[in-house]
């Protein structure tokens, strides 16, 4: 009877019901899929019957593991892509941390000019999809030996770019480094701006040189932020698909994600599931390393409440030069790609930039028999509009469900703070963030390609895209909601309870209105992320569920670069405008508090 009363009392509290429900749902959607993908690595698939002799679909086999890891073909199948992935990930970390840290130091520690503009523009490459810079690189630096037609750089200078410069690891590292440099800028810049300046001031009084102060004081203080940036960028670069696909495929430079795409879309799905599993394990290890590092050093105090009047380094006569060069370079990265997309979308013959070669055919034309199989211009193309509609409604649905579930999760986690159930739900809600997007898509492809109990096969349905998007972007919404709920005092809701106001009305009339800006970001972040996503959905779309990002990739694969550039320009403008609306509505800016205030 005592247990029954305790159960009844437990279930009377809405946050307990929310936690129990979310625990079951998230275990089913995040933990169980891991087991299904493990099973798929030791299962014979339909397309593999010719290679696994004497077997039937569904039979147990270690063929995939042996072929991927221990055969004569393992070097090409797995070890070369794995090594390439590590080269790209470490190289990206070096570029991102060096560039982002340098700009953060210049903005926070020197009398640099144009700080507000530089701070705003520097985060622009991250707002844009990563493959935007990859396509811009190709537009400028492709050569006639591999690209078929030279890019803008060759057209303007007459200099043919080398293969290593135009394709392969070098441009992949540079592009990803530029894309993720804002991570380093935000994390390192935030600490530099808020750290106590007393140590540096004391060192200056003792006549220590600026270089020695940097080595002995500044860098050790920002080291935790540098380590966090390293792990974050490493994980993101390792899971990148679009950039290596655009810049590496033409010279057969494969990384794990592009190799996974080939195998899962080809005749070797078992190979792809093994790669997905390995990438997930690496992602979890990275989180463990991060927590170990942060947990070992208990204090990272940089704000003491004491004097923080930082003595800015005067650049003297170089102030204008450094400021102008930095502003010019950042503007090139932000603006020139958009110009290149516009130019490339208007030319008939790639590589010929004379005015006579320009046309509006790829935007408003009815189609030409000798160009792209008579494909109409994108503004007259019913397929493009269907892809746009699919992208918009997918983003809206993902944002609505992820944002709403995130609010419930944040409310329940904070109300039951410290309990094992709340900790479990909090960790489960964050777990999808650790998984590379393509590996996460592979998990859901594996799990929902067949009937699961009362759930019919979902492959080829729009519902599968919504489901995978909601689960993948739930961490954004849940983290925003947890942070918002931590700021609310319990007395606010208790006053409503005393007045006899029901839980639903308390949420709608009290809690949500008070923290509407934070909760709104939990809706808008998944919306923007879903709108620009490619890796997560590339394995799951079918002709009836295609979205703009996957159509762009498919057009580019067919060699219809003009259409791909036009679609890319549309996506970038849509994402940038959406981000501006987010900033305007919520008042939040990711560079706020560093140098862009």
Protein backbone atom coordinates (compact mmCIF):
# COMPACT_ATOMS: atom_id res chain seq x y z
CA UNK A 1 0.00 0.00 0.00
CA UNK A 2 2.89 2.32 0.83
CA UNK A 3 4.42 1.73 -2.61
CA UNK A 4 1.05 2.38 -4.22
CA UNK A 5 0.69 5.70 -2.41
CA UNK A 6 4.22 6.69 -3.34
CA UNK A 7 3.55 5.81 -6.98
CA UNK A 8 0.31 7.79 -6.93
CA UNK A 9 2.11 10.76 -5.39
CA UNK A 10 4.91 10.44 -7.97
CA UNK A 11 2.51 10.44 -10.90
CA UNK A 12 0.59 13.45 -9.60
CA UNK A 13 3.54 15.67 -10.47
CA UNK A 14 3.63 16.55 -14.20
CA UNK A 15 7.42 16.77 -14.35
CA UNK A 16 7.71 13.14 -13.20
CA UNK A 17 5.38 11.95 -15.96
CA UNK A 18 7.36 13.99 -18.51
CA UNK A 19 10.66 12.51 -17.34
CA UNK A 20 9.42 8.91 -17.41
CA UNK A 21 7.87 9.37 -20.87
CA UNK A 22 10.97 11.03 -22.29
CA UNK A 23 13.24 8.39 -20.76
CA UNK A 24 11.36 5.59 -22.57
CA UNK A 25 11.11 7.51 -25.85
CA UNK A 26 14.75 8.63 -25.90
CA UNK A 27 16.06 5.19 -24.95
CA UNK A 28 14.08 3.79 -27.89
CA UNK A 29 15.31 6.48 -30.29
CA UNK A 30 18.95 6.85 -29.17
CA UNK A 31 20.16 3.71 -27.39
CA UNK A 32 18.25 0.90 -29.08
CA UNK A 33 19.27 2.13 -32.58
CA UNK A 34 22.90 1.56 -31.56
CA UNK A 35 22.10 -2.11 -31.04
CA UNK A 36 20.29 -2.32 -34.37
CA UNK A 37 23.30 -0.90 -36.19
CA UNK A 38 25.56 -3.39 -34.39
CA UNK A 39 23.28 -6.19 -35.57
CA UNK A 40 23.43 -4.81 -39.13
CA UNK A 41 27.23 -5.12 -39.08
CA UNK A 42 26.91 -8.92 -38.61
CA UNK A 43 23.87 -9.46 -40.85
CA UNK A 44 23.69 -10.42 -44.53
CA UNK A 45 21.86 -7.78 -46.58
CA UNK A 46 19.97 -8.27 -49.84
CA UNK A 47 22.62 -6.57 -51.99
CA UNK A 48 25.39 -8.74 -50.48
CA UNK A 49 24.04 -12.20 -51.36
CA UNK A 50 26.40 -12.58 -54.33
CA UNK A 51 29.47 -12.00 -52.14
CA UNK A 52 28.48 -13.91 -49.00
CA UNK A 53 28.17 -17.32 -50.63
CA UNK A 54 25.52 -19.77 -49.46
CA UNK A 55 23.80 -17.25 -47.22
CA UNK A 56 20.32 -15.82 -46.97
CA UNK A 57 19.14 -12.35 -46.07
CA UNK A 58 19.30 -11.91 -42.30
CA UNK A 59 21.89 -14.64 -41.67
CA UNK A 60 24.67 -14.01 -39.15
CA UNK A 61 28.08 -13.26 -40.71
CA UNK A 62 31.44 -11.76 -39.80
CA UNK A 63 32.14 -11.12 -43.49
CA UNK A 64 31.80 -7.34 -43.18
CA UNK A 65 34.19 -7.02 -40.23
CA UNK A 66 36.77 -9.25 -41.89
CA UNK A 67 36.54 -7.41 -45.19
CA UNK A 68 36.68 -3.92 -43.64
CA UNK A 69 39.43 -4.50 -41.07
CA UNK A 70 41.46 -7.60 -41.97
CA UNK A 71 41.39 -8.22 -45.74
CA UNK A 72 43.69 -7.20 -48.56
CA UNK A 73 41.09 -4.58 -49.53
CA UNK A 74 40.95 -3.08 -46.01
CA UNK A 75 43.47 -0.37 -46.88
CA UNK A 76 41.23 1.09 -49.59
CA UNK A 77 37.93 0.37 -47.85
CA UNK A 78 38.73 1.64 -44.36
CA UNK A 79 42.30 2.49 -43.36
CA UNK A 80 43.02 5.11 -46.04
CA UNK A 81 39.69 6.93 -45.45
CA UNK A 82 40.29 6.70 -41.68
CA UNK A 83 43.79 8.17 -42.02
CA UNK A 84 42.48 10.88 -44.35
CA UNK A 85 39.77 11.68 -41.80
CA UNK A 86 42.38 12.12 -39.05
CA UNK A 87 44.53 14.34 -41.30
CA UNK A 88 41.52 16.53 -42.11
CA UNK A 89 40.36 16.68 -38.47
CA UNK A 90 43.78 17.62 -37.01
CA UNK A 91 44.50 20.06 -39.84
CA UNK A 92 41.11 21.73 -39.38
CA UNK A 93 41.77 22.10 -35.63
CA UNK A 94 45.10 23.81 -36.33
CA UNK A 95 43.61 26.29 -38.81
CA UNK A 96 40.47 27.00 -36.75
CA UNK A 97 42.24 27.49 -33.40
CA UNK A 98 45.12 29.53 -34.89
CA UNK A 99 42.85 31.82 -36.91
CA UNK A 100 40.01 32.08 -34.39
CA UNK A 101 42.36 32.55 -31.44
CA UNK A 102 44.38 35.22 -33.27
CA UNK A 103 41.29 37.24 -34.20
CA UNK A 104 39.91 36.85 -30.65
CA UNK A 105 43.19 38.16 -29.22
CA UNK A 106 43.29 41.10 -31.65
CA UNK A 107 39.69 42.07 -30.85
CA UNK A 108 39.98 41.76 -27.05
CA UNK A 109 43.62 42.67 -26.38
CA UNK A 110 44.57 45.35 -28.93
CA UNK A 111 43.28 48.72 -30.07
CA UNK A 112 42.20 47.22 -33.40
CA UNK A 113 39.81 49.32 -35.50
CA UNK A 114 36.39 48.17 -36.77
CA UNK A 115 35.99 45.65 -33.90
CA UNK A 116 32.19 45.52 -34.13
CA UNK A 117 32.17 44.88 -37.89
CA UNK A 118 35.00 42.33 -37.70
CA UNK A 119 33.29 40.48 -34.84
CA UNK A 120 30.00 40.27 -36.74
CA UNK A 121 31.54 39.27 -40.07
CA UNK A 122 33.89 36.70 -38.55
CA UNK A 123 31.03 34.47 -37.40
CA UNK A 124 29.39 34.69 -40.85
CA UNK A 125 31.20 31.61 -42.31
CA UNK A 126 29.64 29.49 -39.58
CA UNK A 127 26.15 30.87 -40.21
CA UNK A 128 26.49 29.75 -43.84
CA UNK A 129 26.45 26.00 -44.59
CA UNK A 130 29.98 24.57 -44.73
CA UNK A 131 29.62 23.39 -48.32
CA UNK A 132 29.03 27.01 -49.36
CA UNK A 133 32.74 27.75 -48.99
CA UNK A 134 33.58 24.43 -50.67
CA UNK A 135 31.58 25.34 -53.77
CA UNK A 136 33.09 28.83 -53.75
CA UNK A 137 36.58 27.30 -53.63
CA UNK A 138 35.76 25.16 -56.66
CA UNK A 139 34.28 28.12 -58.51
CA UNK A 140 37.52 30.03 -58.04
CA UNK A 141 40.30 27.46 -58.08
CA UNK A 142 39.19 24.44 -60.14
CA UNK A 143 41.47 23.65 -63.07
CA UNK A 144 40.91 22.26 -66.54
CA UNK A 145 42.84 19.05 -65.79
CA UNK A 146 40.25 17.79 -63.30
CA UNK A 147 37.42 20.30 -63.23
CA UNK A 148 36.84 20.28 -66.99
CA UNK A 149 36.78 24.08 -67.11
CA UNK A 150 39.01 26.55 -65.26
CA UNK A 151 37.69 28.66 -62.42
CA UNK A 152 37.58 32.42 -61.93
CA UNK A 153 41.17 32.57 -60.67
CA UNK A 154 42.54 31.07 -63.90
CA UNK A 155 40.20 33.22 -66.00
CA UNK A 156 41.45 36.40 -64.30
CA UNK A 157 45.16 35.59 -64.01
CA UNK A 158 45.83 32.95 -66.67
CA UNK A 159 47.51 30.79 -64.01
CA UNK A 160 46.38 27.15 -63.87
CA UNK A 161 46.04 25.96 -60.26
CA UNK A 162 47.78 22.79 -59.13
CA UNK A 163 45.67 19.74 -58.25
CA UNK A 164 46.85 19.74 -54.62
CA UNK A 165 45.67 23.34 -54.25
CA UNK A 166 42.30 22.92 -55.97
CA UNK A 167 41.29 19.49 -54.65
CA UNK A 168 42.03 17.09 -51.84
CA UNK A 169 43.18 17.57 -48.24
CA UNK A 170 44.56 21.12 -48.51
CA UNK A 171 41.34 22.90 -49.60
CA UNK A 172 39.22 20.64 -47.36
CA UNK A 173 41.29 21.65 -44.32
CA UNK A 174 41.27 25.35 -45.25
CA UNK A 175 37.51 25.44 -45.90
CA UNK A 176 36.60 23.52 -42.74
CA UNK A 177 39.09 25.60 -40.75
CA UNK A 178 37.42 28.81 -41.93
CA UNK A 179 33.99 27.37 -41.19
CA UNK A 180 34.86 26.33 -37.61
CA UNK A 181 37.19 29.23 -36.71
CA UNK A 182 34.19 31.07 -35.14
CA UNK A 183 34.10 28.27 -32.50
CA UNK A 184 37.59 29.25 -31.38
CA UNK A 185 36.76 32.95 -31.65
CA UNK A 186 33.67 32.62 -29.45
CA UNK A 187 35.16 30.33 -26.79
CA UNK A 188 38.64 31.87 -26.55
CA UNK A 189 37.38 35.42 -27.06
CA UNK A 190 34.82 35.07 -24.28
CA UNK A 191 37.50 34.06 -21.76
CA UNK A 192 39.95 36.72 -22.92
CA UNK A 193 37.31 39.39 -22.55
CA UNK A 194 36.15 38.35 -19.08
CA UNK A 195 39.42 37.21 -17.47
CA UNK A 196 40.86 39.14 -14.53
CA UNK A 197 43.54 41.51 -15.80
CA UNK A 198 45.46 41.74 -12.49
CA UNK A 199 48.00 39.06 -13.43
CA UNK A 200 48.84 40.72 -16.72
CA UNK A 201 49.04 44.14 -15.07
CA UNK A 202 51.38 42.77 -12.39
CA UNK A 203 53.61 41.24 -15.06
CA UNK A 204 53.75 44.57 -16.91
CA UNK A 205 54.75 46.35 -13.70
CA UNK A 206 57.57 43.80 -13.31
CA UNK A 207 58.76 44.71 -16.84
CA UNK A 208 57.82 41.37 -18.40
CA UNK A 209 57.66 41.43 -22.18
CA UNK A 210 54.39 40.96 -24.07
CA UNK A 211 55.61 37.67 -25.53
CA UNK A 212 56.46 36.27 -22.10
CA UNK A 213 53.09 37.41 -20.70
CA UNK A 214 51.36 35.66 -23.58
CA UNK A 215 53.28 32.38 -23.01
CA UNK A 216 53.22 32.30 -19.21
CA UNK A 217 49.87 33.91 -18.34
CA UNK A 218 47.40 34.40 -21.20
CA UNK A 219 47.74 31.04 -22.97
CA UNK A 220 47.57 28.93 -19.74
CA UNK A 221 44.38 30.78 -18.73
CA UNK A 222 42.68 30.21 -22.08
CA UNK A 223 43.97 26.63 -22.38
CA UNK A 224 40.65 25.05 -21.23
CA UNK A 225 38.83 26.99 -23.96
CA UNK A 226 41.45 25.90 -26.50
CA UNK A 227 41.03 22.26 -25.46
CA UNK A 228 37.24 22.51 -25.67
CA UNK A 229 37.57 24.12 -29.10
CA UNK A 230 39.96 21.39 -30.24
CA UNK A 231 37.60 18.59 -29.22
CA UNK A 232 34.54 20.35 -30.66
CA UNK A 233 36.22 21.15 -33.99
CA UNK A 234 37.85 17.70 -34.22
CA UNK A 235 34.48 15.99 -33.75
CA UNK A 236 32.76 18.30 -36.25
CA UNK A 237 35.49 17.97 -38.89
CA UNK A 238 35.57 14.19 -38.50
CA UNK A 239 31.85 14.01 -39.25
CA UNK A 240 31.89 16.50 -42.15
CA UNK A 241 30.53 15.09 -45.40
CA UNK A 242 29.66 17.87 -47.83
CA UNK A 243 33.07 19.59 -47.94
CA UNK A 244 35.08 16.37 -48.56
CA UNK A 245 32.44 15.30 -51.10
CA UNK A 246 32.75 18.53 -53.09
CA UNK A 247 36.53 18.93 -52.83
CA UNK A 248 37.80 15.37 -52.53
CA UNK A 249 35.64 13.09 -54.66
CA UNK A 250 37.00 14.32 -58.01
CA UNK A 251 40.53 13.20 -57.02
CA UNK A 252 39.27 10.12 -55.13
CA UNK A 253 40.26 11.49 -51.74
CA UNK A 254 37.90 9.55 -49.51
CA UNK A 255 37.18 10.16 -45.83
CA UNK A 256 34.99 8.03 -43.58
CA UNK A 257 31.80 9.96 -44.32
CA UNK A 258 32.16 9.89 -48.10
CA UNK A 259 33.15 6.22 -47.97
CA UNK A 260 30.13 5.52 -45.78
CA UNK A 261 27.87 7.27 -48.29
CA UNK A 262 29.29 5.16 -51.13
CA UNK A 263 28.87 1.86 -49.30
CA UNK A 264 25.41 2.50 -47.84
CA UNK A 265 24.12 3.72 -51.22
CA UNK A 266 25.90 0.92 -53.07
CA UNK A 267 26.20 -2.82 -52.71
CA UNK A 268 28.01 -2.95 -49.35
CA UNK A 269 25.72 -1.56 -46.62
CA UNK A 270 27.40 -3.74 -43.98
CA UNK A 271 30.68 -1.87 -44.56
CA UNK A 272 28.91 1.46 -44.07
CA UNK A 273 27.30 0.42 -40.80
CA UNK A 274 30.71 -0.57 -39.41
CA UNK A 275 32.10 2.86 -40.30
CA UNK A 276 29.07 4.54 -38.71
CA UNK A 277 29.60 2.53 -35.53
CA UNK A 278 33.31 3.41 -35.41
CA UNK A 279 32.51 7.12 -35.84
CA UNK A 280 29.96 6.96 -33.01
CA UNK A 281 32.52 5.32 -30.73
CA UNK A 282 35.07 8.04 -31.57
CA UNK A 283 32.43 10.71 -30.82
CA UNK A 284 31.68 9.21 -27.41
CA UNK A 285 35.42 8.95 -26.65
CA UNK A 286 35.84 12.63 -27.51
CA UNK A 287 33.08 13.55 -25.04
CA UNK A 288 34.73 11.37 -22.39
CA UNK A 289 38.10 13.07 -22.95
CA UNK A 290 36.47 16.49 -22.72
CA UNK A 291 34.73 15.63 -19.44
CA UNK A 292 37.96 14.12 -18.08
CA UNK A 293 39.94 17.25 -18.85
CA UNK A 294 37.32 19.57 -17.41
CA UNK A 295 36.78 17.30 -14.40
CA UNK A 296 40.50 17.09 -13.59
CA UNK A 297 40.86 20.83 -13.24
CA UNK A 298 38.07 21.94 -10.94
CA UNK A 299 38.59 25.67 -11.27
CA UNK A 300 38.86 27.75 -14.40
CA UNK A 301 38.21 31.03 -12.59
CA UNK A 302 38.77 33.99 -14.83
CA UNK A 303 36.24 36.44 -13.36
CA UNK A 304 37.05 37.54 -9.80
CA UNK A 305 35.07 40.73 -9.35
CA UNK A 306 38.32 42.66 -9.07
CA UNK A 307 39.74 45.17 -11.49
CA UNK A 308 39.41 44.06 -15.10
CA UNK A 309 40.61 47.21 -16.80
CA UNK A 310 42.71 45.59 -19.48
CA UNK A 311 45.63 47.56 -20.84
CA UNK A 312 45.17 47.23 -24.59
CA UNK A 313 48.23 46.70 -26.74
CA UNK A 314 48.68 49.69 -29.01
CA UNK A 315 49.36 48.67 -32.60
CA UNK A 316 50.73 52.16 -33.27
CA UNK A 317 51.39 52.78 -36.94
CA UNK A 318 50.29 49.27 -37.86
CA UNK A 319 46.78 49.78 -36.45
CA UNK A 320 45.21 50.90 -39.69
CA UNK A 321 47.17 48.37 -41.76
CA UNK A 322 46.27 45.36 -39.57
CA UNK A 323 42.66 46.48 -39.25
CA UNK A 324 42.27 47.01 -42.98
CA UNK A 325 43.93 43.70 -43.94
CA UNK A 326 41.83 41.72 -41.45
CA UNK A 327 38.59 43.41 -42.51
CA UNK A 328 39.44 42.87 -46.18
CA UNK A 329 40.24 39.16 -45.72
CA UNK A 330 37.10 38.50 -43.71
CA UNK A 331 34.98 40.36 -46.26
CA UNK A 332 36.48 38.19 -49.01
CA UNK A 333 35.44 35.03 -47.19
CA UNK A 334 31.92 36.35 -46.54
CA UNK A 335 31.01 38.24 -49.70
CA UNK A 336 33.05 36.81 -52.58
CA UNK A 337 31.49 33.30 -52.33
CA UNK A 338 28.04 34.80 -52.86
CA UNK A 339 29.31 36.72 -55.89
CA UNK A 340 30.84 33.53 -57.31
CA UNK A 341 27.55 31.63 -56.94
CA UNK A 342 25.71 34.40 -58.77
CA UNK A 343 28.30 34.54 -61.58
CA UNK A 344 28.47 30.76 -62.05
CA UNK A 345 24.67 30.50 -62.18
CA UNK A 346 24.51 32.81 -65.21
CA UNK A 347 27.21 31.38 -67.50
CA UNK A 348 26.40 28.90 -70.28
CA UNK A 349 29.84 27.40 -70.88
CA UNK A 350 31.81 26.88 -67.63
CA UNK A 351 35.16 28.64 -67.65
CA UNK A 352 34.09 31.28 -70.20
CA UNK A 353 33.38 34.54 -68.37
CA UNK A 354 32.81 36.82 -71.37
CA UNK A 355 29.54 38.79 -71.35
CA UNK A 356 28.32 36.92 -74.43
CA UNK A 357 28.36 33.71 -72.37
CA UNK A 358 25.96 35.02 -69.74
CA UNK A 359 22.29 33.99 -69.72
CA UNK A 360 19.26 33.91 -67.45
CA UNK A 361 18.39 30.42 -68.71
CA UNK A 362 19.28 28.71 -65.43
CA UNK A 363 17.03 31.04 -63.43
CA UNK A 364 13.98 31.78 -65.57
CA UNK A 365 14.52 29.82 -68.79
CA UNK A 366 12.06 27.19 -70.06
CA UNK A 367 14.93 24.75 -70.67
CA UNK A 368 17.15 23.90 -73.61
CA UNK A 369 17.45 20.41 -75.22
CA UNK A 370 21.26 20.65 -75.29
CA UNK A 371 21.61 21.76 -71.65
CA UNK A 372 20.88 19.58 -68.58
CA UNK A 373 18.23 17.45 -70.31
CA UNK A 374 15.96 20.48 -70.87
CA UNK A 375 15.82 21.24 -67.15
CA UNK A 376 13.87 24.52 -66.60
CA UNK A 377 15.40 27.42 -64.68
CA UNK A 378 15.09 27.13 -60.92
CA UNK A 379 12.42 29.86 -60.70
CA UNK A 380 10.26 27.95 -63.22
CA UNK A 381 11.14 24.46 -62.03
CA UNK A 382 8.35 22.54 -60.30
CA UNK A 383 10.89 20.07 -58.87
CA UNK A 384 12.86 22.88 -57.25
CA UNK A 385 9.72 24.38 -55.73
CA UNK A 386 8.75 20.98 -54.38
CA UNK A 387 12.21 20.66 -52.84
CA UNK A 388 11.88 24.15 -51.35
CA UNK A 389 8.46 23.29 -49.95
CA UNK A 390 9.83 20.04 -48.51
CA UNK A 391 12.76 21.94 -46.93
CA UNK A 392 10.51 24.60 -45.38
CA UNK A 393 7.87 22.23 -44.01
CA UNK A 394 10.56 19.82 -42.77
CA UNK A 395 12.30 22.67 -40.94
CA UNK A 396 9.00 23.93 -39.48
CA UNK A 397 7.97 20.48 -38.25
CA UNK A 398 11.40 19.69 -36.84
CA UNK A 399 11.52 23.06 -35.09
CA UNK A 400 8.00 22.67 -33.65
CA UNK A 401 8.50 19.17 -32.25
CA UNK A 402 12.11 19.63 -31.13
CA UNK A 403 11.32 23.00 -29.53
CA UNK A 404 8.17 21.76 -27.77
CA UNK A 405 9.82 18.57 -26.47
CA UNK A 406 12.84 20.65 -25.45
CA UNK A 407 10.68 22.93 -23.32
CA UNK A 408 9.08 19.96 -21.57
CA UNK A 409 12.49 18.33 -21.09
CA UNK A 410 14.05 21.51 -19.71
CA UNK A 411 11.14 22.07 -17.32
CA UNK A 412 11.19 18.50 -15.99
CA UNK A 413 14.98 18.23 -15.73
CA UNK A 414 15.28 21.41 -13.67
CA UNK A 415 12.26 20.58 -11.46
CA UNK A 416 13.80 17.19 -10.63
CA UNK A 417 17.38 18.50 -10.65
CA UNK A 418 19.94 16.12 -9.18
CA UNK A 419 17.80 12.98 -9.41
CA UNK A 420 18.99 9.94 -11.37
CA UNK A 421 15.95 10.14 -13.67
CA UNK A 422 16.58 13.80 -14.54
CA UNK A 423 20.27 13.10 -15.15
CA UNK A 424 19.38 10.17 -17.41
CA UNK A 425 16.98 12.23 -19.52
CA UNK A 426 19.43 15.13 -19.67
CA UNK A 427 22.19 12.85 -20.97
CA UNK A 428 19.89 11.04 -23.40
CA UNK A 429 18.65 14.36 -24.82
CA UNK A 430 22.26 15.46 -25.40
CA UNK A 431 23.48 12.12 -26.78
CA UNK A 432 22.44 12.75 -30.44
CA UNK A 433 24.81 15.75 -30.52
CA UNK A 434 27.76 13.36 -30.11
CA UNK A 435 26.91 11.33 -33.19
CA UNK A 436 28.16 12.39 -36.62
CA UNK A 437 25.18 13.46 -38.71
CA UNK A 438 25.65 10.88 -41.44
CA UNK A 439 26.18 8.09 -38.89
CA UNK A 440 23.01 9.22 -37.13
CA UNK A 441 21.11 9.08 -40.43
CA UNK A 442 22.54 5.59 -41.02
CA UNK A 443 21.24 4.47 -37.62
CA UNK A 444 17.68 5.53 -38.44
CA UNK A 445 17.97 4.04 -41.92
CA UNK A 446 18.96 0.74 -40.30
CA UNK A 447 16.27 0.86 -37.63
CA UNK A 448 13.25 2.00 -39.62
CA UNK A 449 13.87 0.33 -42.98
CA UNK A 450 11.71 -2.55 -41.68
CA UNK A 451 8.62 -2.79 -39.49
CA UNK A 452 9.31 -2.26 -35.78
CA UNK A 453 6.34 -3.56 -33.79
CA UNK A 454 3.38 -1.35 -34.55
CA UNK A 455 5.59 1.13 -36.46
CA UNK A 456 5.52 0.41 -40.22
CA UNK A 457 8.63 0.76 -42.42
CA UNK A 458 9.42 4.47 -42.62
CA UNK A 459 12.09 4.53 -45.33
CA UNK A 460 10.93 6.75 -48.18
CA UNK A 461 8.46 8.64 -45.99
CA UNK A 462 8.59 12.28 -44.96
CA UNK A 463 7.92 11.18 -41.38
CA UNK A 464 11.37 9.58 -41.18
CA UNK A 465 13.04 12.88 -42.11
CA UNK A 466 11.03 14.69 -39.43
CA UNK A 467 11.81 12.03 -36.82
CA UNK A 468 15.56 12.01 -37.41
CA UNK A 469 15.65 15.82 -37.49
CA UNK A 470 13.73 16.15 -34.21
CA UNK A 471 15.98 13.70 -32.36
CA UNK A 472 19.19 15.14 -33.83
CA UNK A 473 18.35 18.75 -32.97
CA UNK A 474 16.69 18.07 -29.62
CA UNK A 475 19.98 18.93 -27.81
CA UNK A 476 19.73 22.53 -29.08
CA UNK A 477 16.20 22.95 -27.76
CA UNK A 478 16.72 21.07 -24.48
CA UNK A 479 19.91 22.99 -23.60
CA UNK A 480 18.20 26.32 -24.29
CA UNK A 481 15.24 25.31 -22.13
CA UNK A 482 17.36 23.94 -19.27
CA UNK A 483 19.27 27.22 -19.17
CA UNK A 484 16.03 29.22 -19.20
CA UNK A 485 14.44 27.15 -16.43
CA UNK A 486 17.52 27.47 -14.20
CA UNK A 487 16.96 31.24 -14.21
CA UNK A 488 13.39 30.93 -12.89
CA UNK A 489 12.74 30.85 -9.17
CA UNK A 490 10.43 28.11 -7.87
CA UNK A 491 8.37 30.76 -6.10
CA UNK A 492 7.00 31.92 -9.45
CA UNK A 493 5.28 28.61 -10.16
CA UNK A 494 4.42 28.01 -6.50
CA UNK A 495 2.42 31.24 -6.50
CA UNK A 496 0.34 29.83 -9.37
CA UNK A 497 -0.17 26.53 -7.51
CA UNK A 498 -1.40 28.40 -4.41
CA UNK A 499 -3.91 30.19 -6.62
CA UNK A 500 -5.15 26.81 -7.89
CA UNK A 501 -3.93 27.32 -11.45
CA UNK A 502 -3.50 24.04 -13.36
CA UNK A 503 -0.16 22.91 -14.77
CA UNK A 504 -1.04 23.60 -18.40
CA UNK A 505 -2.21 27.12 -17.67
CA UNK A 506 0.88 27.76 -15.50
CA UNK A 507 3.10 26.78 -18.42
CA UNK A 508 1.20 28.84 -21.01
CA UNK A 509 0.44 31.91 -18.88
CA UNK A 510 3.45 32.16 -16.54
CA UNK A 511 6.58 30.13 -17.37
CA UNK A 512 6.69 30.35 -21.17
CA UNK A 513 5.88 34.11 -21.40
CA UNK A 514 8.60 34.96 -18.85
CA UNK A 515 11.33 33.11 -20.76
CA UNK A 516 9.86 33.35 -24.25
CA UNK A 517 13.11 34.61 -25.84
CA UNK A 518 15.13 31.62 -24.60
CA UNK A 519 12.36 29.17 -25.48
CA UNK A 520 11.98 30.76 -28.91
CA UNK A 521 15.66 30.13 -29.64
CA UNK A 522 14.93 26.46 -28.91
CA UNK A 523 12.56 26.54 -31.90
CA UNK A 524 14.56 28.75 -34.23
CA UNK A 525 17.94 27.01 -33.91
CA UNK A 526 16.55 23.63 -35.09
CA UNK A 527 14.74 25.46 -37.89
CA UNK A 528 17.89 27.08 -39.27
CA UNK A 529 20.01 23.95 -38.73
CA UNK A 530 17.48 21.75 -40.51
CA UNK A 531 17.17 24.19 -43.40
CA UNK A 532 20.89 23.99 -44.19
CA UNK A 533 21.47 20.29 -43.32
CA UNK A 534 22.79 17.86 -45.91
CA UNK A 535 24.70 15.04 -44.16
CA UNK A 536 21.82 14.04 -41.88
CA UNK A 537 19.26 13.59 -44.66
CA UNK A 538 21.37 12.50 -47.65
CA UNK A 539 20.89 8.76 -46.96
CA UNK A 540 17.18 9.06 -46.19
CA UNK A 541 15.68 11.10 -49.01
CA UNK A 542 13.87 9.59 -51.98
CA UNK A 543 12.65 11.33 -55.17
CA UNK A 544 9.37 12.21 -53.42
CA UNK A 545 11.01 13.58 -50.26
CA UNK A 546 13.96 15.47 -51.74
CA UNK A 547 14.91 18.74 -50.07
CA UNK A 548 16.92 21.65 -51.47
CA UNK A 549 20.27 20.68 -49.96
CA UNK A 550 20.14 17.12 -51.32
CA UNK A 551 18.97 18.41 -54.71
CA UNK A 552 21.94 20.77 -54.81
CA UNK A 553 24.28 17.83 -54.18
CA UNK A 554 22.58 15.71 -56.84
CA UNK A 555 22.69 18.52 -59.43
CA UNK A 556 26.38 18.99 -58.73
CA UNK A 557 27.02 15.23 -59.09
CA UNK A 558 25.37 15.35 -62.52
CA UNK A 559 27.67 18.19 -63.57
CA UNK A 560 24.86 20.76 -63.72
CA UNK A 561 26.91 23.31 -61.79
CA UNK A 562 24.85 26.34 -62.85
CA UNK A 563 21.71 24.95 -61.22
CA UNK A 564 23.70 23.88 -58.16
CA UNK A 565 25.15 27.39 -57.73
CA UNK A 566 21.73 29.01 -58.14
CA UNK A 567 20.19 26.68 -55.53
CA UNK A 568 23.14 27.30 -53.24
CA UNK A 569 22.63 31.04 -53.45
CA UNK A 570 18.96 30.62 -52.55
CA UNK A 571 19.78 28.44 -49.55
CA UNK A 572 22.49 30.78 -48.25
CA UNK A 573 20.25 33.84 -48.54
CA UNK A 574 17.41 31.99 -46.81
CA UNK A 575 19.66 30.83 -43.94
CA UNK A 576 21.26 34.26 -43.49
CA UNK A 577 17.90 36.05 -43.50
CA UNK A 578 16.52 33.48 -41.04
CA UNK A 579 19.50 34.07 -38.76
CA UNK A 580 18.93 37.83 -38.93
CA UNK A 581 15.31 37.27 -37.93
CA UNK A 582 16.47 35.06 -35.03
CA UNK A 583 18.79 37.80 -33.81
CA UNK A 584 16.13 40.47 -34.24
CA UNK A 585 13.39 38.51 -32.47
CA UNK A 586 15.45 37.04 -29.61
CA UNK A 587 17.96 39.85 -29.21
CA UNK A 588 20.70 37.20 -29.08
CA UNK A 589 23.89 37.23 -31.10
CA UNK A 590 26.59 34.58 -30.86
CA UNK A 591 29.34 37.19 -31.04
CA UNK A 592 27.73 39.38 -28.34
CA UNK A 593 29.99 39.99 -25.39
CA UNK A 594 33.25 39.42 -27.29
CA UNK A 595 33.76 42.42 -29.44
CA UNK A 596 30.60 42.99 -31.37
CA UNK A 597 28.61 44.76 -28.69
